Amino acid sequence: MVSGRTRPARFELDVATQVRSIRTSSDTDSLSVEHLEIMKLCRRALSVAEVAAYLGAPLIVVKVLLSDLIQRGDVITRDPSRTVEVPDRNLLQMVLEGVRGL
């Protein structure tokens, strides 16, 4: 499945890292069944842990397979800890009014 490799190529993947496949015109004939299954699973964003669970494969194996796909440009990743969500303005207004009422 991973040809004896025990570490991902160059990519640090956390279990919460979001992975999503992208449409590419790259040759898929050289990919393993597991690579193709990952690409199919990741049509919607999934965490690395979710991919491992769906495949029923050890986490390190999935990280190695994902690093192959990242290197080829078949999948993209996003670190969920770096996403910024803008707070709702109405919620902030209610908090401000609550603080003023103290």
PDB file of N, CA and C in Angstrom:
ATOM      1  N   MET A   1       0.820  -1.193   0.000  1.00  0.00           N
ATOM      2  CA  MET A   1       0.000   0.000   0.000  1.00  0.00           C
ATOM      3  C   MET A   1       0.869   1.263   0.000  1.00  0.00           C
ATOM      4  N   VAL A   2       1.914   1.281   0.842  1.00  0.00           N
ATOM      5  CA  VAL A   2       2.793   2.456   0.906  1.00  0.00           C
ATOM      6  C   VAL A   2       4.249   2.096   0.633  1.00  0.00           C
ATOM      7  N   SER A   3       4.476   0.900   0.128  1.00  0.00           N
ATOM      8  CA  SER A   3       5.820   0.437  -0.256  1.00  0.00           C
ATOM      9  C   SER A   3       6.833   0.535   0.878  1.00  0.00           C
ATOM     10  N   GLY A   4       6.411   0.220   2.077  1.00  0.00           N
ATOM     11  CA  GLY A   4       7.314   0.214   3.221  1.00  0.00           C
ATOM     12  C   GLY A   4       7.616   1.570   3.821  1.00  0.00           C
ATOM     13  N   ARG A   5       7.056   2.635   3.273  1.00  0.00           N
ATOM     14  CA  ARG A   5       7.320   3.976   3.813  1.00  0.00           C
ATOM     15  C   ARG A   5       6.568   4.154   5.132  1.00  0.00           C
ATOM     16  N   THR A   6       7.219   4.816   6.067  1.00  0.00           N
ATOM     17  CA  THR A   6       6.602   5.034   7.377  1.00  0.00           C
ATOM     18  C   THR A   6       6.439   6.500   7.719  1.00  0.00           C
ATOM     19  N   ARG A   7       6.841   7.376   6.807  1.00  0.00           N
ATOM     20  CA  ARG A   7       6.699   8.820   7.035  1.00  0.00           C
ATOM     21  C   ARG A   7       6.219   9.487   5.755  1.00  0.00           C
ATOM     22  N   PRO A   8       5.344  10.489   5.920  1.00  0.00           N
ATOM     23  CA  PRO A   8       4.924  11.272   4.749  1.00  0.00           C
ATOM     24  C   PRO A   8       6.112  11.991   4.125  1.00  0.00           C
ATOM     25  N   ALA A   9       6.033  12.249   2.844  1.00  0.00           N
ATOM     26  CA  ALA A   9       7.141  12.844   2.096  1.00  0.00           C
ATOM     27  C   ALA A   9       7.656  14.146   2.703  1.00  0.00           C
ATOM     28  N   ARG A  10       6.883  15.224   2.605  1.00  0.00           N
ATOM     29  CA  ARG A  10       7.345  16.522   3.102  1.00  0.00           C
ATOM     30  C   ARG A  10       6.264  17.243   3.870  1.00  0.00           C
ATOM     31  N   PHE A  11       5.157  16.640   4.044  1.00  0.00           N
ATOM     32  CA  PHE A  11       4.005  17.355   4.555  1.00  0.00           C
ATOM     33  C   PHE A  11       3.652  16.903   5.962  1.00  0.00           C
ATOM     34  N   GLU A  12       3.508  17.870   6.848  1.00  0.00           N
ATOM     35  CA  GLU A  12       3.070  17.596   8.206  1.00  0.00           C
ATOM     36  C   GLU A  12       1.544  17.605   8.214  1.00  0.00           C
ATOM     37  N   LEU A  13       0.960  16.488   8.490  1.00  0.00           N
ATOM     38  CA  LEU A  13      -0.496  16.373   8.506  1.00  0.00           C
ATOM     39  C   LEU A  13      -0.965  16.034   9.911  1.00  0.00           C
ATOM     40  N   ASP A  14      -1.751  16.901  10.465  1.00  0.00           N
ATOM     41  CA  ASP A  14      -2.366  16.680  11.751  1.00  0.00           C
ATOM     42  C   ASP A  14      -3.643  15.871  11.528  1.00  0.00           C
ATOM     43  N   VAL A  15      -4.138  15.213  12.565  1.00  0.00           N
ATOM     44  CA  VAL A  15      -5.373  14.429  12.404  1.00  0.00           C
ATOM     45  C   VAL A  15      -6.568  15.307  12.064  1.00  0.00           C
ATOM     46  N   ALA A  16      -6.507  16.588  12.425  1.00  0.00           N
ATOM     47  CA  ALA A  16      -7.617  17.508  12.156  1.00  0.00           C
ATOM     48  C   ALA A  16      -7.466  18.264  10.841  1.00  0.00           C
ATOM     49  N   THR A  17      -6.329  18.094  10.155  1.00  0.00           N
ATOM     50  CA  THR A  17      -6.124  18.775   8.884  1.00  0.00           C
ATOM     51  C   THR A  17      -7.220  18.378   7.910  1.00  0.00           C
ATOM     52  N   GLN A  18      -7.819  19.362   7.275  1.00  0.00           N
ATOM     53  CA  GLN A  18      -8.880  19.118   6.299  1.00  0.00           C
ATOM     54  C   GLN A  18      -8.261  18.834   4.932  1.00  0.00           C
ATOM     55  N   VAL A  19      -8.781  17.819   4.263  1.00  0.00           N
ATOM     56  CA  VAL A  19      -8.262  17.394   2.974  1.00  0.00           C
ATOM     57  C   VAL A  19      -9.404  17.382   1.977  1.00  0.00           C
ATOM     58  N   ARG A  20      -9.130  17.880   0.784  1.00  0.00           N
ATOM     59  CA  ARG A  20     -10.149  17.887  -0.265  1.00  0.00           C
ATOM     60  C   ARG A  20      -9.500  17.614  -1.613  1.00  0.00           C
ATOM     61  N   SER A  21     -10.116  16.738  -2.389  1.00  0.00           N
ATOM     62  CA  SER A  21      -9.578  16.467  -3.717  1.00  0.00           C
ATOM     63  C   SER A  21      -9.986  17.581  -4.666  1.00  0.00           C
ATOM     64  N   ILE A  22      -9.135  17.805  -5.642  1.00  0.00           N
ATOM     65  CA  ILE A  22      -9.429  18.818  -6.651  1.00  0.00           C
ATOM     66  C   ILE A  22      -9.370  18.140  -8.010  1.00  0.00           C
ATOM     67  N   ARG A  23     -10.109  18.700  -8.928  1.00  0.00           N
ATOM     68  CA  ARG A  23     -10.094  18.138 -10.282  1.00  0.00           C
ATOM     69  C   ARG A  23      -8.756  18.458 -10.930  1.00  0.00           C
ATOM     70  N   THR A  24      -8.130  17.413 -11.400  1.00  0.00           N
ATOM     71  CA  THR A  24      -6.874  17.591 -12.109  1.00  0.00           C
ATOM     72  C   THR A  24      -6.913  16.751 -13.380  1.00  0.00           C
ATOM     73  N   SER A  25      -6.065  17.083 -14.263  1.00  0.00           N
ATOM     74  CA  SER A  25      -5.970  16.307 -15.494  1.00  0.00           C
ATOM     75  C   SER A  25      -4.802  15.329 -15.413  1.00  0.00           C
ATOM     76  N   SER A  26      -4.269  15.143 -14.196  1.00  0.00           N
ATOM     77  CA  SER A  26      -3.111  14.272 -14.048  1.00  0.00           C
ATOM     78  C   SER A  26      -3.499  12.815 -14.285  1.00  0.00           C
ATOM     79  N   ASP A  27      -2.521  12.043 -14.636  1.00  0.00           N
ATOM     80  CA  ASP A  27      -2.696  10.638 -14.947  1.00  0.00           C
ATOM     81  C   ASP A  27      -2.998   9.854 -13.671  1.00  0.00           C
ATOM     82  N   THR A  28      -4.120   9.184 -13.636  1.00  0.00           N
ATOM     83  CA  THR A  28      -4.474   8.395 -12.454  1.00  0.00           C
ATOM     84  C   THR A  28      -4.097   6.930 -12.602  1.00  0.00           C
ATOM     85  N   ASP A  29      -3.547   6.535 -13.748  1.00  0.00           N
ATOM     86  CA  ASP A  29      -3.166   5.135 -13.964  1.00  0.00           C
ATOM     87  C   ASP A  29      -2.070   4.684 -13.007  1.00  0.00           C
ATOM     88  N   SER A  30      -1.242   5.620 -12.559  1.00  0.00           N
ATOM     89  CA  SER A  30      -0.138   5.271 -11.670  1.00  0.00           C
ATOM     90  C   SER A  30      -0.550   5.234 -10.197  1.00  0.00           C
ATOM     91  N   LEU A  31      -1.797   5.559  -9.912  1.00  0.00           N
ATOM     92  CA  LEU A  31      -2.260   5.588  -8.524  1.00  0.00           C
ATOM     93  C   LEU A  31      -2.774   4.222  -8.086  1.00  0.00           C
ATOM     94  N   SER A  32      -2.607   3.957  -6.796  1.00  0.00           N
ATOM     95  CA  SER A  32      -3.120   2.711  -6.227  1.00  0.00           C
ATOM     96  C   SER A  32      -4.625   2.833  -6.003  1.00  0.00           C
ATOM     97  N   VAL A  33      -5.231   1.712  -5.709  1.00  0.00           N
ATOM     98  CA  VAL A  33      -6.657   1.693  -5.397  1.00  0.00           C
ATOM     99  C   VAL A  33      -6.942   2.587  -4.192  1.00  0.00           C
ATOM    100  N   GLU A  34      -6.046   2.568  -3.210  1.00  0.00           N
ATOM    101  CA  GLU A  34      -6.216   3.377  -2.005  1.00  0.00           C
ATOM    102  C   GLU A  34      -6.144   4.868  -2.326  1.00  0.00           C
ATOM    103  N   HIS A  35      -5.213   5.252  -3.193  1.00  0.00           N
ATOM    104  CA  HIS A  35      -5.128   6.658  -3.606  1.00  0.00           C
ATOM    105  C   HIS A  35      -6.438   7.096  -4.257  1.00  0.00           C
ATOM    106  N   LEU A  36      -6.944   6.273  -5.154  1.00  0.00           N
ATOM    107  CA  LEU A  36      -8.185   6.604  -5.852  1.00  0.00           C
ATOM    108  C   LEU A  36      -9.367   6.678  -4.887  1.00  0.00           C
ATOM    109  N   GLU A  37      -9.384   5.788  -3.901  1.00  0.00           N
ATOM    110  CA  GLU A  37     -10.459   5.810  -2.909  1.00  0.00           C
ATOM    111  C   GLU A  37     -10.398   7.090  -2.083  1.00  0.00           C
ATOM    112  N   ILE A  38      -9.205   7.524  -1.724  1.00  0.00           N
ATOM    113  CA  ILE A  38      -9.046   8.781  -0.985  1.00  0.00           C
ATOM    114  C   ILE A  38      -9.568   9.946  -1.813  1.00  0.00           C
ATOM    115  N   MET A  39      -9.225   9.974  -3.088  1.00  0.00           N
ATOM    116  CA  MET A  39      -9.683  11.066  -3.941  1.00  0.00           C
ATOM    117  C   MET A  39     -11.205  11.084  -4.037  1.00  0.00           C
ATOM    118  N   LYS A  40     -11.812   9.899  -4.073  1.00  0.00           N
ATOM    119  CA  LYS A  40     -13.270   9.820  -4.129  1.00  0.00           C
ATOM    120  C   LYS A  40     -13.890  10.280  -2.802  1.00  0.00           C
ATOM    121  N   LEU A  41     -13.318   9.827  -1.695  1.00  0.00           N
ATOM    122  CA  LEU A  41     -13.817  10.219  -0.375  1.00  0.00           C
ATOM    123  C   LEU A  41     -13.729  11.727  -0.153  1.00  0.00           C
ATOM    124  N   CYS A  42     -12.663  12.321  -0.652  1.00  0.00           N
ATOM    125  CA  CYS A  42     -12.378  13.723  -0.360  1.00  0.00           C
ATOM    126  C   CYS A  42     -12.994  14.690  -1.369  1.00  0.00           C
ATOM    127  N   ARG A  43     -14.037  14.260  -2.037  1.00  0.00           N
ATOM    128  CA  ARG A  43     -14.764  15.212  -2.892  1.00  0.00           C
ATOM    129  C   ARG A  43     -15.356  16.318  -2.027  1.00  0.00           C
ATOM    130  N   ARG A  44     -15.665  15.976  -0.786  1.00  0.00           N
ATOM    131  CA  ARG A  44     -16.019  16.984   0.213  1.00  0.00           C
ATOM    132  C   ARG A  44     -14.903  16.937   1.260  1.00  0.00           C
ATOM    133  N   ALA A  45     -14.664  18.047   1.891  1.00  0.00           N
ATOM    134  CA  ALA A  45     -13.553  18.129   2.842  1.00  0.00           C
ATOM    135  C   ALA A  45     -13.740  17.160   4.000  1.00  0.00           C
ATOM    136  N   LEU A  46     -12.691  16.426   4.304  1.00  0.00           N
ATOM    137  CA  LEU A  46     -12.661  15.504   5.439  1.00  0.00           C
ATOM    138  C   LEU A  46     -11.361  15.711   6.196  1.00  0.00           C
ATOM    139  N   SER A  47     -11.384  15.404   7.468  1.00  0.00           N
ATOM    140  CA  SER A  47     -10.138  15.456   8.234  1.00  0.00           C
ATOM    141  C   SER A  47      -9.313  14.210   7.918  1.00  0.00           C
ATOM    142  N   VAL A  48      -8.037  14.275   8.208  1.00  0.00           N
ATOM    143  CA  VAL A  48      -7.153  13.132   8.005  1.00  0.00           C
ATOM    144  C   VAL A  48      -7.668  11.941   8.812  1.00  0.00           C
ATOM    145  N   ALA A  49      -8.132  12.187  10.025  1.00  0.00           N
ATOM    146  CA  ALA A  49      -8.663  11.112  10.870  1.00  0.00           C
ATOM    147  C   ALA A  49      -9.899  10.468  10.241  1.00  0.00           C
ATOM    148  N   GLU A  50     -10.771  11.277   9.643  1.00  0.00           N
ATOM    149  CA  GLU A  50     -11.965  10.737   8.994  1.00  0.00           C
ATOM    150  C   GLU A  50     -11.590   9.870   7.793  1.00  0.00           C
ATOM    151  N   VAL A  51     -10.610  10.314   7.024  1.00  0.00           N
ATOM    152  CA  VAL A  51     -10.163   9.529   5.875  1.00  0.00           C
ATOM    153  C   VAL A  51      -9.662   8.172   6.349  1.00  0.00           C
ATOM    154  N   ALA A  52      -8.863   8.165   7.419  1.00  0.00           N
ATOM    155  CA  ALA A  52      -8.348   6.909   7.965  1.00  0.00           C
ATOM    156  C   ALA A  52      -9.485   6.004   8.428  1.00  0.00           C
ATOM    157  N   ALA A  53     -10.478   6.587   9.074  1.00  0.00           N
ATOM    158  CA  ALA A  53     -11.615   5.798   9.557  1.00  0.00           C
ATOM    159  C   ALA A  53     -12.409   5.199   8.404  1.00  0.00           C
ATOM    160  N   TYR A  54     -12.686   5.989   7.385  1.00  0.00           N
ATOM    161  CA  TYR A  54     -13.437   5.487   6.230  1.00  0.00           C
ATOM    162  C   TYR A  54     -12.671   4.392   5.489  1.00  0.00           C
ATOM    163  N   LEU A  55     -11.343   4.538   5.401  1.00  0.00           N
ATOM    164  CA  LEU A  55     -10.539   3.534   4.718  1.00  0.00           C
ATOM    165  C   LEU A  55     -10.293   2.303   5.579  1.00  0.00           C
ATOM    166  N   GLY A  56     -10.429   2.471   6.903  1.00  0.00           N
ATOM    167  CA  GLY A  56     -10.103   1.375   7.810  1.00  0.00           C
ATOM    168  C   GLY A  56      -8.612   1.086   7.801  1.00  0.00           C
ATOM    169  N   ALA A  57      -7.825   2.136   7.620  1.00  0.00           N
ATOM    170  CA  ALA A  57      -6.370   2.001   7.536  1.00  0.00           C
ATOM    171  C   ALA A  57      -5.716   2.764   8.677  1.00  0.00           C
ATOM    172  N   PRO A  58      -4.510   2.340   9.076  1.00  0.00           N
ATOM    173  CA  PRO A  58      -3.792   3.069  10.123  1.00  0.00           C
ATOM    174  C   PRO A  58      -3.529   4.516   9.697  1.00  0.00           C
ATOM    175  N   LEU A  59      -3.512   5.392  10.670  1.00  0.00           N
ATOM    176  CA  LEU A  59      -3.331   6.815  10.427  1.00  0.00           C
ATOM    177  C   LEU A  59      -2.047   7.116   9.659  1.00  0.00           C
ATOM    178  N   ILE A  60      -0.949   6.475  10.021  1.00  0.00           N
ATOM    179  CA  ILE A  60       0.322   6.757   9.355  1.00  0.00           C
ATOM    180  C   ILE A  60       0.268   6.360   7.889  1.00  0.00           C
ATOM    181  N   VAL A  61      -0.428   5.285   7.580  1.00  0.00           N
ATOM    182  CA  VAL A  61      -0.565   4.851   6.186  1.00  0.00           C
ATOM    183  C   VAL A  61      -1.326   5.904   5.392  1.00  0.00           C
ATOM    184  N   VAL A  62      -2.408   6.400   5.970  1.00  0.00           N
ATOM    185  CA  VAL A  62      -3.210   7.425   5.301  1.00  0.00           C
ATOM    186  C   VAL A  62      -2.395   8.698   5.113  1.00  0.00           C
ATOM    187  N   LYS A  63      -1.590   9.070   6.095  1.00  0.00           N
ATOM    188  CA  LYS A  63      -0.751  10.262   5.954  1.00  0.00           C
ATOM    189  C   LYS A  63       0.243  10.108   4.811  1.00  0.00           C
ATOM    190  N   VAL A  64       0.822   8.931   4.652  1.00  0.00           N
ATOM    191  CA  VAL A  64       1.758   8.685   3.552  1.00  0.00           C
ATOM    192  C   VAL A  64       1.029   8.768   2.216  1.00  0.00           C
ATOM    193  N   LEU A  65      -0.149   8.145   2.128  1.00  0.00           N
ATOM    194  CA  LEU A  65      -0.921   8.187   0.882  1.00  0.00           C
ATOM    195  C   LEU A  65      -1.353   9.612   0.547  1.00  0.00           C
ATOM    196  N   LEU A  66      -1.787  10.352   1.560  1.00  0.00           N
ATOM    197  CA  LEU A  66      -2.186  11.740   1.339  1.00  0.00           C
ATOM    198  C   LEU A  66      -1.013  12.596   0.891  1.00  0.00           C
ATOM    199  N   SER A  67       0.152  12.363   1.464  1.00  0.00           N
ATOM    200  CA  SER A  67       1.320  13.153   1.058  1.00  0.00           C
ATOM    201  C   SER A  67       1.660  12.897  -0.410  1.00  0.00           C
ATOM    202  N   ASP A  68       1.450  11.659  -0.879  1.00  0.00           N
ATOM    203  CA  ASP A  68       1.647  11.364  -2.300  1.00  0.00           C
ATOM    204  C   ASP A  68       0.709  12.210  -3.152  1.00  0.00           C
ATOM    205  N   LEU A  69      -0.558  12.259  -2.744  1.00  0.00           N
ATOM    206  CA  LEU A  69      -1.562  12.999  -3.504  1.00  0.00           C
ATOM    207  C   LEU A  69      -1.332  14.509  -3.442  1.00  0.00           C
ATOM    208  N   ILE A  70      -0.862  14.995  -2.311  1.00  0.00           N
ATOM    209  CA  ILE A  70      -0.546  16.424  -2.183  1.00  0.00           C
ATOM    210  C   ILE A  70       0.610  16.775  -3.117  1.00  0.00           C
ATOM    211  N   GLN A  71       1.622  15.932  -3.104  1.00  0.00           N
ATOM    212  CA  GLN A  71       2.794  16.167  -3.946  1.00  0.00           C
ATOM    213  C   GLN A  71       2.413  16.182  -5.423  1.00  0.00           C
ATOM    214  N   ARG A  72       1.465  15.349  -5.812  1.00  0.00           N
ATOM    215  CA  ARG A  72       1.000  15.301  -7.212  1.00  0.00           C
ATOM    216  C   ARG A  72       0.061  16.456  -7.554  1.00  0.00           C
ATOM    217  N   GLY A  73      -0.485  17.112  -6.521  1.00  0.00           N
ATOM    218  CA  GLY A  73      -1.425  18.196  -6.758  1.00  0.00           C
ATOM    219  C   GLY A  73      -2.857  17.722  -6.910  1.00  0.00           C
ATOM    220  N   ASP A  74      -3.146  16.508  -6.444  1.00  0.00           N
ATOM    221  CA  ASP A  74      -4.497  15.952  -6.551  1.00  0.00           C
ATOM    222  C   ASP A  74      -5.396  16.328  -5.382  1.00  0.00           C
ATOM    223  N   VAL A  75      -4.802  16.667  -4.246  1.00  0.00           N
ATOM    224  CA  VAL A  75      -5.580  17.094  -3.086  1.00  0.00           C
ATOM    225  C   VAL A  75      -4.957  18.350  -2.492  1.00  0.00           C
ATOM    226  N   ILE A  76      -5.782  19.106  -1.813  1.00  0.00           N
ATOM    227  CA  ILE A  76      -5.307  20.290  -1.101  1.00  0.00           C
ATOM    228  C   ILE A  76      -5.660  20.122   0.370  1.00  0.00           C
ATOM    229  N   THR A  77      -4.940  20.845   1.216  1.00  0.00           N
ATOM    230  CA  THR A  77      -5.189  20.748   2.651  1.00  0.00           C
ATOM    231  C   THR A  77      -5.439  22.129   3.235  1.00  0.00           C
ATOM    232  N   ARG A  78      -6.090  22.103   4.397  1.00  0.00           N
ATOM    233  CA  ARG A  78      -6.315  23.344   5.141  1.00  0.00           C
ATOM    234  C   ARG A  78      -6.234  23.001   6.613  1.00  0.00           C
ATOM    235  N   ASP A  79      -5.425  23.761   7.326  1.00  0.00           N
ATOM    236  CA  ASP A  79      -5.279  23.577   8.764  1.00  0.00           C
ATOM    237  C   ASP A  79      -6.458  24.265   9.438  1.00  0.00           C
ATOM    238  N   PRO A  80      -7.353  23.515  10.094  1.00  0.00           N
ATOM    239  CA  PRO A  80      -8.544  24.135  10.681  1.00  0.00           C
ATOM    240  C   PRO A  80      -8.246  25.131  11.785  1.00  0.00           C
ATOM    241  N   SER A  81      -7.092  25.039  12.411  1.00  0.00           N
ATOM    242  CA  SER A  81      -6.766  25.978  13.483  1.00  0.00           C
ATOM    243  C   SER A  81      -6.432  27.358  12.939  1.00  0.00           C
ATOM    244  N   ARG A  82      -6.201  27.455  11.652  1.00  0.00           N
ATOM    245  CA  ARG A  82      -5.841  28.739  11.055  1.00  0.00           C
ATOM    246  C   ARG A  82      -7.019  29.435  10.395  1.00  0.00           C
ATOM    247  N   THR A  83      -8.166  28.796  10.402  1.00  0.00           N
ATOM    248  CA  THR A  83      -9.315  29.451   9.796  1.00  0.00           C
ATOM    249  C   THR A  83      -9.911  30.436  10.789  1.00  0.00           C
ATOM    250  N   VAL A  84     -10.262  31.572  10.286  1.00  0.00           N
ATOM    251  CA  VAL A  84     -10.822  32.623  11.130  1.00  0.00           C
ATOM    252  C   VAL A  84     -12.286  32.789  10.763  1.00  0.00           C
ATOM    253  N   GLU A  85     -13.125  32.703  11.769  1.00  0.00           N
ATOM    254  CA  GLU A  85     -14.539  32.896  11.537  1.00  0.00           C
ATOM    255  C   GLU A  85     -14.933  34.244  12.122  1.00  0.00           C
ATOM    256  N   VAL A  86     -15.513  35.067  11.319  1.00  0.00           N
ATOM    257  CA  VAL A  86     -15.928  36.391  11.756  1.00  0.00           C
ATOM    258  C   VAL A  86     -17.162  36.247  12.640  1.00  0.00           C
ATOM    259  N   PRO A  87     -17.129  36.803  13.857  1.00  0.00           N
ATOM    260  CA  PRO A  87     -18.281  36.701  14.744  1.00  0.00           C
ATOM    261  C   PRO A  87     -19.491  37.446  14.171  1.00  0.00           C
ATOM    262  N   ASP A  88     -20.648  36.950  14.510  1.00  0.00           N
ATOM    263  CA  ASP A  88     -21.894  37.574  14.077  1.00  0.00           C
ATOM    264  C   ASP A  88     -22.028  38.950  14.728  1.00  0.00           C
ATOM    265  N   ARG A  89     -22.311  39.957  13.938  1.00  0.00           N
ATOM    266  CA  ARG A  89     -22.415  41.331  14.437  1.00  0.00           C
ATOM    267  C   ARG A  89     -23.528  41.462  15.472  1.00  0.00           C
ATOM    268  N   ASN A  90     -24.662  40.807  15.246  1.00  0.00           N
ATOM    269  CA  ASN A  90     -25.783  40.871  16.194  1.00  0.00           C
ATOM    270  C   ASN A  90     -25.403  40.275  17.545  1.00  0.00           C
ATOM    271  N   LEU A  91     -24.670  39.181  17.505  1.00  0.00           N
ATOM    272  CA  LEU A  91     -24.221  38.564  18.753  1.00  0.00           C
ATOM    273  C   LEU A  91     -23.294  39.508  19.508  1.00  0.00           C
ATOM    274  N   LEU A  92     -22.368  40.127  18.800  1.00  0.00           N
ATOM    275  CA  LEU A  92     -21.464  41.074  19.454  1.00  0.00           C
ATOM    276  C   LEU A  92     -22.231  42.256  20.054  1.00  0.00           C
ATOM    277  N   GLN A  93     -23.236  42.724  19.347  1.00  0.00           N
ATOM    278  CA  GLN A  93     -24.053  43.835  19.841  1.00  0.00           C
ATOM    279  C   GLN A  93     -24.779  43.432  21.125  1.00  0.00           C
ATOM    280  N   MET A  94     -25.319  42.205  21.155  1.00  0.00           N
ATOM    281  CA  MET A  94     -26.025  41.734  22.350  1.00  0.00           C
ATOM    282  C   MET A  94     -25.069  41.611  23.534  1.00  0.00           C
ATOM    283  N   VAL A  95     -23.860  41.140  23.288  1.00  0.00           N
ATOM    284  CA  VAL A  95     -22.864  41.041  24.359  1.00  0.00           C
ATOM    285  C   VAL A  95     -22.517  42.420  24.883  1.00  0.00           C
ATOM    286  N   LEU A  96     -22.305  43.369  23.972  1.00  0.00           N
ATOM    287  CA  LEU A  96     -21.986  44.737  24.371  1.00  0.00           C
ATOM    288  C   LEU A  96     -23.098  45.339  25.228  1.00  0.00           C
ATOM    289  N   GLU A  97     -24.344  45.152  24.798  1.00  0.00           N
ATOM    290  CA  GLU A  97     -25.476  45.664  25.571  1.00  0.00           C
ATOM    291  C   GLU A  97     -25.568  44.996  26.936  1.00  0.00           C
ATOM    292  N   GLY A  98     -25.265  43.707  26.979  1.00  0.00           N
ATOM    293  CA  GLY A  98     -25.275  42.984  28.254  1.00  0.00           C
ATOM    294  C   GLY A  98     -24.208  43.513  29.203  1.00  0.00           C
ATOM    295  N   VAL A  99     -23.026  43.793  28.697  1.00  0.00           N
ATOM    296  CA  VAL A  99     -21.943  44.330  29.510  1.00  0.00           C
ATOM    297  C   VAL A  99     -22.306  45.730  30.006  1.00  0.00           C
ATOM    298  N   ARG A 100     -22.887  46.521  29.141  1.00  0.00           N
ATOM    299  CA  ARG A 100     -23.286  47.880  29.546  1.00  0.00           C
ATOM    300  C   ARG A 100     -24.360  47.832  30.619  1.00  0.00           C
ATOM    301  N   GLY A 101     -25.192  46.804  30.607  1.00  0.00           N
ATOM    302  CA  GLY A 101     -26.270  46.691  31.586  1.00  0.00           C
ATOM    303  C   GLY A 101     -25.780  46.243  32.964  1.00  0.00           C
ATOM    304  N   LEU A 102     -24.555  45.854  33.077  1.00  0.00           N
ATOM    305  CA  LEU A 102     -24.032  45.425  34.389  1.00  0.00           C
ATOM    306  C   LEU A 102     -23.795  46.528  35.322  1.00  0.00           C
TER     307      LEU A 102
END
